């Protein structure tokens, strides 16, 4: 293992300055737009030749290229000098749009133009493995500090391919001036909404209006036993076993259908649900922890977060996602890159800085969520009940059919049974083909 020859006090000070500069703002992964620039200047040695003094730049022994999103790249930049001091290897951080990283890495890495390390979502894993883009990663030295659910998210056929840094799922935000206590059941929410008839919309669940949203609405499917692909611990997903039209899936989406008919769940898209909640005219909002920064700084609404309420006595299983760092299979410095990940990123202090820069629930022990702890705990509780988003390539065949058919239910244009049968048939045909 590489010896760390640097001052942790200096590193912590650097991390604190970087996080403060970021402002603690968080956005959804695909909506990250903040631009951050950080540079580190080092004194250059002077060399005297034939009575002339010239300045020459000492070339590093090697360079690791890291792709990260705008929120978290400053954290990587803050620890880069310590790694270079200890190893003689420089870190070059390149800011990339999160939603484009997978495609960029898939194209650039085989051509020798990609990163050594890049951030990404766990559900990319199967496709990246199939295309030979990512390298297996041995997390045994830090495994005891990591959430097992997050490690499982980056594991395909028993092999782990990423260092998780965060986990996320949807939960229930509520306006505490309108609803002081967290409802235990969705049936109770229906009663609460009936008493708040003057409001424009009661439960803001993205996925209505002008666009389907399978991610936010999956918990209706799972609440009474539906699933996408059958998952077995230690085995993984079986794409030939599709549960989108089983009795449980139809029952859960039928419950949604009833809430739509009663006017409890309106046909709103993400932006409308968000704006109504921030304006104080919508008592409930179903979404994830990426909105904590917005709620902390961009609204006067008093709010709280809680786990998703039960449906027909069952805990819904929302989709669970994880984000983490991949090691490129095309890196020429794999040993150094893994050392950087395990010895410099996988520490409580750096994981704390990552959380402070982007408040998705942490997966590393010892990270303090501070004022957001109660909200973070509620999302972690929802995740504990959840369904890890399939990380196999066949998942690409799910998003469109499931989102589109749930949209028909949300808009009152299809019965639950018909919508789920159509979605399941489309997924089975795509998998078989």
Protein backbone atom coordinates (compact mmCIF):
# COMPACT_ATOMS: atom_id res chain seq x y z
CA UNK A 1 0.00 0.00 0.00
CA UNK A 2 1.23 3.56 -0.66
CA UNK A 3 2.59 5.45 2.35
CA UNK A 4 0.65 8.65 2.93
CA UNK A 5 3.22 11.39 3.56
CA UNK A 6 1.06 14.43 4.11
CA UNK A 7 -0.67 16.45 6.80
CA UNK A 8 -4.29 15.42 7.36
CA UNK A 9 -4.90 18.74 9.10
CA UNK A 10 -3.95 20.56 5.92
CA UNK A 11 -6.13 18.21 3.88
CA UNK A 12 -9.14 18.76 6.13
CA UNK A 13 -8.67 22.51 5.88
CA UNK A 14 -8.60 22.25 2.10
CA UNK A 15 -11.76 20.13 2.07
CA UNK A 16 -13.56 22.60 4.31
CA UNK A 17 -12.66 25.48 2.00
CA UNK A 18 -13.78 23.57 -1.08
CA UNK A 19 -17.14 22.56 0.44
CA UNK A 20 -17.76 26.13 1.56
CA UNK A 21 -17.04 27.31 -1.98
CA UNK A 22 -19.55 24.80 -3.35
CA UNK A 23 -22.24 26.31 -1.17
CA UNK A 24 -23.65 22.91 -0.22
CA UNK A 25 -26.08 22.96 -3.15
CA UNK A 26 -27.47 19.68 -4.47
CA UNK A 27 -29.34 18.89 -7.63
CA UNK A 28 -30.56 15.73 -9.34
CA UNK A 29 -27.72 13.90 -11.09
CA UNK A 30 -28.93 14.69 -14.58
CA UNK A 31 -29.55 18.32 -13.68
CA UNK A 32 -26.10 19.22 -12.27
CA UNK A 33 -25.18 22.59 -13.79
CA UNK A 34 -22.84 24.28 -11.31
CA UNK A 35 -19.42 25.04 -12.72
CA UNK A 36 -16.41 24.85 -10.46
CA UNK A 37 -12.78 25.65 -11.13
CA UNK A 38 -9.91 25.01 -8.75
CA UNK A 39 -6.20 25.24 -9.48
CA UNK A 40 -3.17 24.34 -7.42
CA UNK A 41 0.11 26.12 -8.11
CA UNK A 42 3.41 24.54 -7.08
CA UNK A 43 6.83 26.21 -6.99
CA UNK A 44 9.02 25.16 -9.89
CA UNK A 45 12.74 24.37 -9.46
CA UNK A 46 15.34 26.70 -10.91
CA UNK A 47 18.21 25.25 -12.93
CA UNK A 48 21.41 27.15 -13.79
CA UNK A 49 23.04 26.30 -17.11
CA UNK A 50 26.01 28.30 -18.57
CA UNK A 51 25.42 31.15 -16.16
CA UNK A 52 21.76 31.42 -17.24
CA UNK A 53 18.95 30.67 -14.82
CA UNK A 54 15.94 29.00 -16.37
CA UNK A 55 12.79 27.56 -14.87
CA UNK A 56 11.93 24.00 -15.79
CA UNK A 57 8.77 22.09 -14.96
CA UNK A 58 9.25 18.74 -13.24
CA UNK A 59 7.19 16.20 -15.10
CA UNK A 60 5.21 13.85 -12.86
CA UNK A 61 5.97 10.15 -13.00
CA UNK A 62 2.41 9.50 -14.08
CA UNK A 63 -0.98 11.14 -14.19
CA UNK A 64 -4.41 9.89 -13.18
CA UNK A 65 -7.36 11.46 -14.95
CA UNK A 66 -10.56 11.61 -12.91
CA UNK A 67 -13.96 12.52 -14.35
CA UNK A 68 -16.43 13.89 -11.81
CA UNK A 69 -19.55 16.03 -11.81
CA UNK A 70 -19.42 19.71 -10.89
CA UNK A 71 -20.56 19.22 -7.30
CA UNK A 72 -17.97 16.62 -6.34
CA UNK A 73 -14.99 17.45 -8.53
CA UNK A 74 -13.77 20.12 -6.05
CA UNK A 75 -13.49 17.46 -3.36
CA UNK A 76 -11.25 15.34 -5.59
CA UNK A 77 -9.19 18.41 -6.47
CA UNK A 78 -8.73 19.19 -2.77
CA UNK A 79 -7.08 15.84 -2.02
CA UNK A 80 -5.07 15.62 -5.23
CA UNK A 81 -2.00 17.49 -3.89
CA UNK A 82 -1.66 15.07 -0.98
CA UNK A 83 -1.70 12.10 -3.36
CA UNK A 84 0.85 13.71 -5.65
CA UNK A 85 3.12 14.53 -2.71
CA UNK A 86 2.99 10.96 -1.46
CA UNK A 87 3.33 9.18 -4.82
CA UNK A 88 4.72 11.61 -7.37
CA UNK A 89 1.59 10.96 -9.43
CA UNK A 90 -0.57 13.94 -10.38
CA UNK A 91 -4.36 13.97 -10.45
CA UNK A 92 -6.09 15.74 -13.32
CA UNK A 93 -9.78 16.37 -12.57
CA UNK A 94 -12.08 16.97 -15.52
CA UNK A 95 -15.63 18.16 -14.86
CA UNK A 96 -18.25 16.27 -16.85
CA UNK A 97 -22.04 16.36 -16.97
CA UNK A 98 -23.14 13.37 -14.89
CA UNK A 99 -25.74 12.23 -17.39
CA UNK A 100 -23.21 12.05 -20.22
CA UNK A 101 -20.33 10.31 -18.44
CA UNK A 102 -21.34 6.73 -19.28
CA UNK A 103 -21.54 7.34 -23.01
CA UNK A 104 -18.39 9.47 -23.04
CA UNK A 105 -16.39 6.85 -21.14
CA UNK A 106 -17.65 4.07 -23.39
CA UNK A 107 -16.46 5.95 -26.45
CA UNK A 108 -13.27 7.53 -25.14
CA UNK A 109 -11.77 4.78 -22.97
CA UNK A 110 -11.10 2.20 -25.73
CA UNK A 111 -9.47 4.96 -27.79
CA UNK A 112 -7.05 5.76 -24.97
CA UNK A 113 -8.65 9.14 -24.34
CA UNK A 114 -10.81 8.33 -21.36
CA UNK A 115 -10.31 8.69 -17.61
CA UNK A 116 -8.60 6.37 -15.17
CA UNK A 117 -11.42 6.89 -12.67
CA UNK A 118 -14.92 8.22 -13.24
CA UNK A 119 -18.05 8.80 -11.22
CA UNK A 120 -21.28 7.14 -12.24
CA UNK A 121 -24.54 5.48 -11.31
CA UNK A 122 -24.62 1.85 -10.24
CA UNK A 123 -27.17 0.85 -12.87
CA UNK A 124 -24.57 1.50 -15.56
CA UNK A 125 -22.50 -1.40 -14.21
CA UNK A 126 -23.90 -4.24 -16.29
CA UNK A 127 -23.55 -2.36 -19.56
CA UNK A 128 -20.06 -1.12 -18.69
CA UNK A 129 -18.96 -4.65 -17.77
CA UNK A 130 -20.45 -6.10 -20.95
CA UNK A 131 -18.55 -3.54 -23.00
CA UNK A 132 -15.29 -4.15 -21.12
CA UNK A 133 -15.06 -0.56 -19.88
CA UNK A 134 -14.60 -1.08 -16.13
CA UNK A 135 -12.20 -3.08 -13.97
CA UNK A 136 -13.16 -5.22 -10.94
CA UNK A 137 -12.41 -3.54 -7.65
CA UNK A 138 -11.31 -5.19 -4.39
CA UNK A 139 -13.11 -3.38 -1.57
CA UNK A 140 -12.08 -5.82 1.17
CA UNK A 141 -9.91 -3.24 2.94
CA UNK A 142 -12.82 -0.78 3.34
CA UNK A 143 -15.83 -3.10 3.11
CA UNK A 144 -16.60 -2.94 6.84
CA UNK A 145 -17.17 0.82 6.53
CA UNK A 146 -19.52 0.62 3.54
CA UNK A 147 -23.26 -0.02 3.31
CA UNK A 148 -23.70 -3.62 2.03
CA UNK A 149 -26.68 -2.54 -0.06
CA UNK A 150 -24.51 -0.02 -1.89
CA UNK A 151 -21.79 -2.60 -2.54
CA UNK A 152 -24.42 -5.00 -3.88
CA UNK A 153 -25.59 -2.28 -6.27
CA UNK A 154 -22.15 -2.24 -7.95
CA UNK A 155 -21.83 -6.04 -8.04
CA UNK A 156 -22.49 -8.15 -11.13
CA UNK A 157 -22.22 -11.95 -11.05
CA UNK A 158 -20.44 -11.82 -7.71
CA UNK A 159 -17.81 -9.26 -8.78
CA UNK A 160 -17.77 -5.66 -7.57
CA UNK A 161 -16.90 -2.88 -10.01
CA UNK A 162 -17.28 0.38 -8.11
CA UNK A 163 -16.57 2.24 -4.87
CA UNK A 164 -19.97 3.55 -3.72
CA UNK A 165 -20.12 7.05 -2.25
CA UNK A 166 -23.87 7.65 -1.89
CA UNK A 167 -27.25 5.97 -1.99
CA UNK A 168 -30.63 7.39 -2.90
CA UNK A 169 -34.30 6.64 -3.25
CA UNK A 170 -37.57 8.52 -3.02
CA UNK A 171 -39.40 9.43 0.16
CA UNK A 172 -42.20 11.72 1.25
CA UNK A 173 -41.70 15.42 1.88
CA UNK A 174 -44.55 17.22 3.60
CA UNK A 175 -45.46 20.80 4.44
CA UNK A 176 -45.56 20.71 8.24
CA UNK A 177 -47.79 23.77 8.47
CA UNK A 178 -50.45 21.87 6.53
CA UNK A 179 -49.64 18.37 7.81
CA UNK A 180 -47.83 18.46 11.17
CA UNK A 181 -47.43 14.70 11.61
CA UNK A 182 -46.04 12.15 9.18
CA UNK A 183 -48.84 9.94 7.80
CA UNK A 184 -48.35 6.24 8.33
CA UNK A 185 -50.42 5.07 5.37
CA UNK A 186 -51.42 6.29 1.93
CA UNK A 187 -55.00 5.64 2.95
CA UNK A 188 -54.49 8.25 5.68
CA UNK A 189 -53.05 10.65 3.12
CA UNK A 190 -56.23 10.27 1.10
CA UNK A 191 -58.26 11.34 4.14
CA UNK A 192 -55.93 14.29 4.78
CA UNK A 193 -56.25 15.41 1.17
CA UNK A 194 -60.02 15.21 1.34
CA UNK A 195 -59.91 17.79 4.11
CA UNK A 196 -57.69 20.13 2.08
CA UNK A 197 -59.92 20.54 -0.96
CA UNK A 198 -58.87 24.12 -1.66
CA UNK A 199 -55.34 23.08 -2.61
CA UNK A 200 -54.37 22.88 -6.27
CA UNK A 201 -52.72 19.47 -5.90
CA UNK A 202 -52.28 17.21 -2.88
CA UNK A 203 -49.60 14.59 -3.56
CA UNK A 204 -46.98 15.76 -6.01
CA UNK A 205 -45.63 12.63 -7.67
CA UNK A 206 -43.61 13.31 -10.85
CA UNK A 207 -44.62 11.25 -13.86
CA UNK A 208 -47.84 12.83 -15.01
CA UNK A 209 -48.64 15.62 -17.42
CA UNK A 210 -46.25 15.58 -20.36
CA UNK A 211 -43.85 12.80 -19.48
CA UNK A 212 -43.75 9.40 -17.81
CA UNK A 213 -41.41 8.68 -14.91
CA UNK A 214 -40.87 5.02 -14.10
CA UNK A 215 -38.37 5.81 -11.35
CA UNK A 216 -40.64 7.97 -9.20
CA UNK A 217 -43.70 5.76 -9.75
CA UNK A 218 -42.17 2.34 -9.30
CA UNK A 219 -43.19 2.17 -5.64
CA UNK A 220 -46.84 1.81 -6.70
CA UNK A 221 -45.85 -1.28 -8.72
CA UNK A 222 -43.91 -2.84 -5.85
CA UNK A 223 -46.23 -2.00 -2.95
CA UNK A 224 -48.24 -5.21 -3.19
CA UNK A 225 -45.67 -7.53 -4.73
CA UNK A 226 -44.86 -6.37 -8.26
CA UNK A 227 -41.28 -6.22 -9.51
CA UNK A 228 -39.29 -5.60 -12.67
CA UNK A 229 -36.94 -8.58 -12.74
CA UNK A 230 -36.82 -11.23 -10.04
CA UNK A 231 -33.84 -10.68 -7.74
CA UNK A 232 -32.20 -13.31 -5.55
CA UNK A 233 -29.41 -12.52 -3.10
CA UNK A 234 -26.15 -14.03 -4.22
CA UNK A 235 -27.52 -14.73 -7.69
CA UNK A 236 -28.69 -11.39 -9.05
CA UNK A 237 -31.45 -10.50 -11.50
CA UNK A 238 -33.29 -12.89 -13.76
CA UNK A 239 -34.38 -10.87 -16.82
CA UNK A 240 -36.59 -13.73 -17.99
CA UNK A 241 -38.76 -13.36 -14.89
CA UNK A 242 -40.73 -10.13 -15.35
CA UNK A 243 -43.21 -9.23 -12.60
CA UNK A 244 -44.73 -6.03 -13.95
CA UNK A 245 -48.11 -7.61 -14.62
CA UNK A 246 -48.43 -10.03 -11.72
CA UNK A 247 -51.35 -9.70 -9.31
CA UNK A 248 -49.33 -7.55 -6.91
CA UNK A 249 -48.26 -5.09 -9.59
CA UNK A 250 -51.81 -4.70 -10.86
CA UNK A 251 -53.12 -4.23 -7.30
CA UNK A 252 -50.55 -1.54 -6.51
CA UNK A 253 -51.16 0.41 -9.72
CA UNK A 254 -54.91 0.02 -9.21
CA UNK A 255 -54.45 1.77 -5.86
CA UNK A 256 -52.73 4.61 -7.74
CA UNK A 257 -55.58 4.60 -10.25
CA UNK A 258 -58.03 5.16 -7.40
CA UNK A 259 -56.03 8.09 -6.01
CA UNK A 260 -56.00 9.64 -9.49
CA UNK A 261 -59.76 9.20 -9.81
CA UNK A 262 -60.27 10.82 -6.39
CA UNK A 263 -58.10 13.79 -7.35
CA UNK A 264 -55.51 13.01 -4.68
CA UNK A 265 -52.67 12.42 -7.15
CA UNK A 266 -52.74 14.96 -9.95
CA UNK A 267 -51.18 14.61 -13.38
CA UNK A 268 -48.08 16.74 -12.76
CA UNK A 269 -44.55 16.54 -14.11
CA UNK A 270 -41.41 17.02 -12.01
CA UNK A 271 -41.15 20.78 -12.38
CA UNK A 272 -44.81 21.37 -11.54
CA UNK A 273 -44.73 19.12 -8.47
CA UNK A 274 -41.61 20.92 -7.27
CA UNK A 275 -42.91 24.44 -7.84
CA UNK A 276 -46.24 23.73 -6.13
CA UNK A 277 -44.51 22.35 -3.05
CA UNK A 278 -42.02 25.22 -2.84
CA UNK A 279 -44.91 27.68 -3.16
CA UNK A 280 -46.70 26.08 -0.21
CA UNK A 281 -49.80 25.05 -2.15
CA UNK A 282 -49.07 21.29 -2.23
CA UNK A 283 -48.85 19.44 1.09
CA UNK A 284 -46.93 16.36 -0.13
CA UNK A 285 -44.10 15.77 -2.59
CA UNK A 286 -42.59 12.40 -3.50
CA UNK A 287 -38.97 12.76 -4.57
CA UNK A 288 -35.43 12.18 -3.38
CA UNK A 289 -32.62 13.62 -1.25
CA UNK A 290 -31.12 15.58 -4.15
CA UNK A 291 -33.70 18.28 -3.32
CA UNK A 292 -32.44 18.84 0.23
CA UNK A 293 -30.29 21.77 -0.87
CA UNK A 294 -33.26 23.42 -2.57
CA UNK A 295 -35.47 22.95 0.47
CA UNK A 296 -32.79 24.25 2.82
CA UNK A 297 -32.17 27.43 0.87
CA UNK A 298 -34.86 28.27 -1.67
CA UNK A 299 -38.19 28.15 0.10
CA UNK A 300 -39.91 29.54 3.19
CA UNK A 301 -42.04 26.40 3.52
CA UNK A 302 -41.61 24.49 6.77
CA UNK A 303 -41.02 20.90 5.78
CA UNK A 304 -40.00 17.46 6.96
CA UNK A 305 -39.18 14.18 5.25
CA UNK A 306 -40.39 10.70 6.13
CA UNK A 307 -40.42 7.21 4.68
CA UNK A 308 -43.05 6.32 2.11
CA UNK A 309 -46.29 5.39 3.91
CA UNK A 310 -47.70 1.88 3.61
CA UNK A 311 -50.17 0.84 0.94
CA UNK A 312 -52.73 -1.81 1.89
CA UNK A 313 -50.56 -2.57 4.93
CA UNK A 314 -47.39 -3.11 2.88
CA UNK A 315 -44.18 -1.11 2.78
CA UNK A 316 -43.58 0.10 -0.78
CA UNK A 317 -40.23 -0.86 -2.27
CA UNK A 318 -39.02 2.23 -4.14
CA UNK A 319 -36.15 1.99 -6.58
CA UNK A 320 -32.79 2.33 -4.83
CA UNK A 321 -29.84 3.84 -6.65
CA UNK A 322 -26.21 4.27 -5.69
CA UNK A 323 -23.49 6.50 -7.06
CA UNK A 324 -19.83 5.71 -6.94
CA UNK A 325 -16.46 5.70 -8.64
CA UNK A 326 -15.46 3.26 -11.36
CA UNK A 327 -11.93 2.19 -12.33
CA UNK A 328 -11.39 2.12 -16.08
CA UNK A 329 -10.28 -1.18 -17.60
CA UNK A 330 -8.18 0.88 -20.03
CA UNK A 331 -6.23 2.73 -17.34
CA UNK A 332 -2.47 2.32 -17.63
CA UNK A 333 -2.15 2.91 -13.89
CA UNK A 334 -4.74 0.61 -12.36
CA UNK A 335 -2.78 -0.11 -9.16
CA UNK A 336 -2.23 3.58 -8.47
CA UNK A 337 -5.84 4.39 -9.34
CA UNK A 338 -7.18 1.78 -6.93
CA UNK A 339 -4.79 3.05 -4.26
CA UNK A 340 -6.18 6.55 -4.78
CA UNK A 341 -9.75 5.28 -4.41
CA UNK A 342 -9.20 3.06 -1.38
CA UNK A 343 -6.68 5.12 0.57
CA UNK A 344 -7.70 8.67 -0.26
CA UNK A 345 -11.40 8.62 -1.22
CA UNK A 346 -12.58 5.82 1.09
CA UNK A 347 -12.01 7.74 4.32
CA UNK A 348 -14.52 9.27 6.68
CA UNK A 349 -13.17 12.79 6.13
CA UNK A 350 -13.35 12.68 2.35
CA UNK A 351 -16.72 10.92 2.31
CA UNK A 352 -17.92 13.64 4.68
CA UNK A 353 -16.77 16.28 2.20
CA UNK A 354 -18.55 14.44 -0.63
CA UNK A 355 -21.78 14.45 1.38
CA UNK A 356 -21.38 18.13 2.28
CA UNK A 357 -20.99 18.94 -1.41
CA UNK A 358 -23.93 16.78 -2.54
CA UNK A 359 -26.33 15.66 0.19
CA UNK A 360 -27.28 12.23 -1.04
CA UNK A 361 -27.33 9.80 1.90
CA UNK A 362 -23.80 8.62 2.65
CA UNK A 363 -22.77 4.97 2.55
CA UNK A 364 -19.57 5.31 4.59
CA UNK A 365 -19.60 4.94 8.38
CA UNK A 366 -18.95 8.03 10.47
CA UNK A 367 -20.36 10.61 8.07
CA UNK A 368 -22.50 13.20 9.89
CA UNK A 369 -25.49 14.61 8.01
CA UNK A 370 -25.81 17.48 10.48
CA UNK A 371 -29.07 19.43 10.21
CA UNK A 372 -30.22 17.02 7.49
CA UNK A 373 -29.74 13.91 9.64
CA UNK A 374 -33.45 13.27 10.25
CA UNK A 375 -34.24 13.61 6.55
CA UNK A 376 -31.28 11.45 5.55
CA UNK A 377 -32.33 8.78 8.04
CA UNK A 378 -35.81 8.73 6.50
CA UNK A 379 -34.38 8.15 3.03
CA UNK A 380 -32.11 5.42 4.34
CA UNK A 381 -35.15 3.77 5.93
CA UNK A 382 -37.02 3.91 2.61
CA UNK A 383 -33.96 2.47 0.87
CA UNK A 384 -33.84 -0.40 3.37
CA UNK A 385 -37.31 -1.40 2.13
CA UNK A 386 -36.36 -0.79 -1.48
CA UNK A 387 -35.57 -2.61 -4.70
CA UNK A 388 -32.04 -2.04 -5.97
CA UNK A 389 -32.40 -0.70 -9.47
CA UNK A 390 -31.31 -3.53 -11.80
CA UNK A 391 -27.75 -3.01 -13.02
CA UNK A 392 -28.02 -5.43 -15.96
CA UNK A 393 -28.16 -4.28 -19.60
CA UNK A 394 -31.75 -5.51 -20.00
CA UNK A 395 -32.90 -2.69 -17.72
CA UNK A 396 -32.64 -0.39 -20.74
CA UNK A 397 -35.73 -2.10 -22.13
CA UNK A 398 -37.81 -1.15 -19.05
CA UNK A 399 -37.77 2.62 -18.72
CA UNK A 400 -39.82 3.52 -21.78
CA UNK A 401 -42.60 0.91 -21.59
CA UNK A 402 -43.02 1.22 -17.82
CA UNK A 403 -42.92 5.01 -17.74
CA UNK A 404 -45.22 5.43 -20.73
CA UNK A 405 -47.86 3.03 -19.43
CA UNK A 406 -47.82 4.44 -15.91
CA UNK A 407 -48.30 7.86 -17.52
CA UNK A 408 -51.49 6.57 -19.13
CA UNK A 409 -52.77 5.59 -15.68
CA UNK A 410 -51.69 8.93 -14.21
CA UNK A 411 -53.57 10.77 -16.98
CA UNK A 412 -56.68 8.60 -16.60
CA UNK A 413 -56.25 7.14 -20.08
CA UNK A 414 -55.76 3.47 -19.21
CA UNK A 415 -56.86 0.98 -16.59
CA UNK A 416 -54.11 -0.37 -14.35
CA UNK A 417 -54.40 -3.98 -15.56
CA UNK A 418 -54.21 -2.99 -19.23
CA UNK A 419 -51.28 -0.63 -18.69
CA UNK A 420 -49.22 -3.16 -16.76
CA UNK A 421 -49.95 -5.96 -19.23
CA UNK A 422 -48.77 -3.76 -22.10
CA UNK A 423 -45.62 -2.71 -20.23
CA UNK A 424 -44.74 -6.29 -19.28
CA UNK A 425 -45.28 -7.60 -22.80
CA UNK A 426 -43.00 -4.90 -24.24
CA UNK A 427 -40.23 -5.70 -21.74
CA UNK A 428 -40.45 -9.45 -22.34
CA UNK A 429 -40.33 -8.95 -26.11
CA UNK A 430 -37.28 -6.68 -25.83
CA UNK A 431 -35.45 -9.08 -23.52
CA UNK A 432 -36.22 -12.06 -25.75
CA UNK A 433 -35.16 -10.16 -28.85
